[in-house]
């Protein structure tokens, strides 16, 4: 079983229980500078919550009217 830190180091690509890549995530819920997502492993049936944190933005297009 992977620790939370090991799961993070593997970029969340593998089930922390069985190591499978066959996982499904629910809708991402955003909140105060972060987000969370319920994930279920299709191989072993384990479930957990992935946590995300805001790291900035890219590709900003300013379409505000000029004054």
N, C-alpha and C. Protein backbone atom coordinates (compact mmCIF):
# COMPACT_ATOMS: atom_id res chain seq x y z
N UNK A 1 0.84 -1.17 0.00
CA UNK A 1 0.00 0.00 0.00
C UNK A 1 0.89 1.25 0.00
N UNK A 2 0.54 2.22 -0.85
CA UNK A 2 1.30 3.46 -0.94
C UNK A 2 0.88 4.43 0.16
N UNK A 3 1.82 5.17 0.69
CA UNK A 3 1.49 6.28 1.58
C UNK A 3 0.95 7.43 0.73
N UNK A 4 0.37 8.42 1.37
CA UNK A 4 -0.12 9.59 0.65
C UNK A 4 1.02 10.25 -0.12
N UNK A 5 2.18 10.35 0.49
CA UNK A 5 3.36 10.96 -0.15
C UNK A 5 3.81 10.15 -1.37
N UNK A 6 3.86 8.83 -1.25
CA UNK A 6 4.25 7.98 -2.38
C UNK A 6 3.24 8.10 -3.52
N UNK A 7 1.95 8.17 -3.16
CA UNK A 7 0.90 8.35 -4.16
C UNK A 7 1.12 9.66 -4.91
N UNK A 8 1.44 10.73 -4.18
CA UNK A 8 1.72 12.03 -4.79
C UNK A 8 2.93 11.95 -5.72
N UNK A 9 3.99 11.28 -5.28
CA UNK A 9 5.21 11.14 -6.09
C UNK A 9 4.95 10.38 -7.38
N UNK A 10 3.96 9.47 -7.38
CA UNK A 10 3.59 8.72 -8.58
C UNK A 10 2.52 9.45 -9.38
N UNK A 11 2.25 10.70 -8.99
CA UNK A 11 1.32 11.59 -9.68
C UNK A 11 -0.12 11.08 -9.68
N UNK A 12 -0.48 10.21 -8.74
CA UNK A 12 -1.85 9.72 -8.64
C UNK A 12 -2.26 8.81 -9.77
N UNK A 13 -1.30 8.21 -10.44
CA UNK A 13 -1.59 7.38 -11.61
C UNK A 13 -1.86 5.91 -11.27
N UNK A 14 -1.68 5.54 -10.01
CA UNK A 14 -1.83 4.15 -9.60
C UNK A 14 -2.66 4.07 -8.32
N UNK A 15 -3.48 3.04 -8.21
CA UNK A 15 -4.24 2.81 -7.00
C UNK A 15 -3.27 2.64 -5.83
N UNK A 16 -3.48 3.36 -4.73
CA UNK A 16 -2.57 3.24 -3.60
C UNK A 16 -2.67 1.89 -2.88
N UNK A 17 -3.69 1.10 -3.19
CA UNK A 17 -3.85 -0.20 -2.54
C UNK A 17 -3.26 -1.32 -3.40
N UNK A 18 -3.71 -1.43 -4.66
CA UNK A 18 -3.29 -2.57 -5.49
C UNK A 18 -2.32 -2.21 -6.62
N UNK A 19 -2.12 -0.91 -6.89
CA UNK A 19 -1.19 -0.48 -7.93
C UNK A 19 -1.77 -0.44 -9.33
N UNK A 20 -3.06 -0.71 -9.47
CA UNK A 20 -3.70 -0.70 -10.79
C UNK A 20 -3.80 0.72 -11.35
N UNK A 21 -3.82 0.81 -12.67
CA UNK A 21 -4.05 2.09 -13.35
C UNK A 21 -5.52 2.24 -13.73
N UNK A 22 -6.34 1.24 -13.45
CA UNK A 22 -7.75 1.23 -13.84
C UNK A 22 -8.59 1.90 -12.75
N UNK A 23 -8.64 3.24 -12.80
CA UNK A 23 -9.35 4.02 -11.80
C UNK A 23 -10.32 4.97 -12.48
N UNK A 24 -11.35 5.35 -11.74
CA UNK A 24 -12.33 6.33 -12.25
C UNK A 24 -12.50 7.42 -11.22
N UNK A 25 -12.54 8.66 -11.69
CA UNK A 25 -12.75 9.80 -10.80
C UNK A 25 -14.10 10.42 -11.03
N UNK A 26 -14.70 10.88 -9.94
CA UNK A 26 -15.96 11.60 -10.00
C UNK A 26 -15.68 13.05 -10.40
N UNK A 27 -16.69 13.86 -10.35
CA UNK A 27 -16.58 15.28 -10.68
C UNK A 27 -15.62 15.97 -9.71
N UNK A 28 -14.81 16.87 -10.23
CA UNK A 28 -13.88 17.64 -9.39
C UNK A 28 -14.65 18.77 -8.72
N UNK A 29 -14.51 18.86 -7.40
CA UNK A 29 -15.16 19.90 -6.61
C UNK A 29 -14.10 20.93 -6.23
N UNK A 30 -14.32 22.20 -6.58
CA UNK A 30 -13.34 23.24 -6.25
C UNK A 30 -13.75 23.96 -4.98
N UNK A 31 -12.73 24.44 -4.25
CA UNK A 31 -12.95 25.15 -3.00
C UNK A 31 -11.69 25.90 -2.61
N UNK A 32 -11.81 27.08 -2.07
CA UNK A 32 -10.74 27.91 -1.51
C UNK A 32 -9.31 27.55 -1.93
N UNK A 33 -8.94 27.81 -3.15
CA UNK A 33 -7.57 27.59 -3.61
C UNK A 33 -7.20 26.15 -3.84
N UNK A 34 -8.18 25.27 -3.89
CA UNK A 34 -7.89 23.85 -4.12
C UNK A 34 -9.10 23.14 -4.70
N UNK A 35 -9.00 21.84 -4.77
CA UNK A 35 -10.09 21.02 -5.30
C UNK A 35 -9.93 19.61 -4.76
N UNK A 36 -11.00 18.83 -4.87
CA UNK A 36 -10.96 17.43 -4.45
C UNK A 36 -11.77 16.60 -5.43
N UNK A 37 -11.47 15.30 -5.47
CA UNK A 37 -12.15 14.40 -6.39
C UNK A 37 -12.20 13.01 -5.78
N UNK A 38 -13.39 12.44 -5.73
CA UNK A 38 -13.54 11.07 -5.26
C UNK A 38 -13.06 10.13 -6.37
N UNK A 39 -12.25 9.14 -6.00
CA UNK A 39 -11.67 8.20 -6.97
C UNK A 39 -11.96 6.78 -6.50
N UNK A 40 -12.26 5.89 -7.45
CA UNK A 40 -12.49 4.48 -7.15
C UNK A 40 -11.62 3.62 -8.07
N UNK A 41 -11.00 2.60 -7.51
CA UNK A 41 -10.22 1.65 -8.29
C UNK A 41 -11.16 0.57 -8.82
N UNK A 42 -11.15 0.38 -10.13
CA UNK A 42 -12.00 -0.64 -10.75
C UNK A 42 -11.45 -2.05 -10.54
N UNK A 43 -10.20 -2.17 -10.15
CA UNK A 43 -9.60 -3.49 -9.95
C UNK A 43 -9.88 -4.07 -8.57
N UNK A 44 -9.68 -3.26 -7.52
CA UNK A 44 -9.84 -3.79 -6.16
C UNK A 44 -11.02 -3.20 -5.39
N UNK A 45 -11.65 -2.16 -5.95
CA UNK A 45 -12.82 -1.57 -5.31
C UNK A 45 -12.51 -0.53 -4.24
N UNK A 46 -11.24 -0.25 -4.00
CA UNK A 46 -10.87 0.76 -3.00
C UNK A 46 -11.31 2.14 -3.49
N UNK A 47 -11.56 3.05 -2.54
CA UNK A 47 -11.92 4.42 -2.92
C UNK A 47 -11.21 5.39 -1.97
N UNK A 48 -10.99 6.61 -2.46
CA UNK A 48 -10.28 7.64 -1.72
C UNK A 48 -10.60 8.99 -2.34
N UNK A 49 -10.07 10.04 -1.74
CA UNK A 49 -10.26 11.39 -2.24
C UNK A 49 -8.92 11.98 -2.65
N UNK A 50 -8.80 12.37 -3.92
CA UNK A 50 -7.61 13.08 -4.38
C UNK A 50 -7.76 14.55 -4.00
N UNK A 51 -6.66 15.16 -3.57
CA UNK A 51 -6.65 16.57 -3.20
C UNK A 51 -5.75 17.35 -4.14
N UNK A 52 -6.20 18.51 -4.59
CA UNK A 52 -5.45 19.36 -5.51
C UNK A 52 -5.29 20.74 -4.90
N UNK A 53 -4.18 21.41 -5.20
CA UNK A 53 -4.00 22.78 -4.73
C UNK A 53 -3.65 23.69 -5.91
N UNK A 54 -4.12 24.90 -5.85
CA UNK A 54 -3.90 25.89 -6.90
C UNK A 54 -2.42 26.24 -6.98
N UNK A 55 -1.88 26.25 -8.20
CA UNK A 55 -0.47 26.61 -8.37
C UNK A 55 -0.28 27.81 -9.30
N UNK A 56 -1.38 28.44 -9.70
CA UNK A 56 -1.29 29.60 -10.58
C UNK A 56 -2.20 29.44 -11.78
N UNK A 57 -1.95 30.22 -12.82
CA UNK A 57 -2.71 30.08 -14.06
C UNK A 57 -1.81 30.35 -15.25
N UNK A 58 -2.27 29.92 -16.43
CA UNK A 58 -1.55 30.16 -17.69
C UNK A 58 -2.57 30.58 -18.74
N UNK A 59 -2.10 31.17 -19.80
CA UNK A 59 -2.93 31.48 -20.97
C UNK A 59 -4.02 32.52 -20.74
N UNK A 60 -3.79 33.49 -19.89
CA UNK A 60 -4.78 34.52 -19.62
C UNK A 60 -5.03 35.37 -20.86
N UNK A 61 -6.30 35.53 -21.24
CA UNK A 61 -6.70 36.42 -22.32
C UNK A 61 -7.56 37.52 -21.69
N UNK A 62 -7.06 38.74 -21.70
CA UNK A 62 -7.79 39.87 -21.13
C UNK A 62 -8.75 40.40 -22.17
N UNK A 63 -10.03 40.12 -22.03
CA UNK A 63 -11.04 40.59 -22.95
C UNK A 63 -11.89 41.72 -22.38
N UNK A 64 -11.37 42.36 -21.34
CA UNK A 64 -12.12 43.47 -20.73
C UNK A 64 -12.08 44.68 -21.66
N UNK A 65 -13.15 45.47 -21.62
CA UNK A 65 -13.18 46.65 -22.49
C UNK A 65 -12.11 47.66 -22.05
N UNK A 66 -11.49 48.30 -23.03
CA UNK A 66 -10.47 49.33 -22.74
C UNK A 66 -11.17 50.59 -22.26
N UNK A 67 -10.52 51.30 -21.34
CA UNK A 67 -11.12 52.53 -20.84
C UNK A 67 -10.39 53.73 -21.36
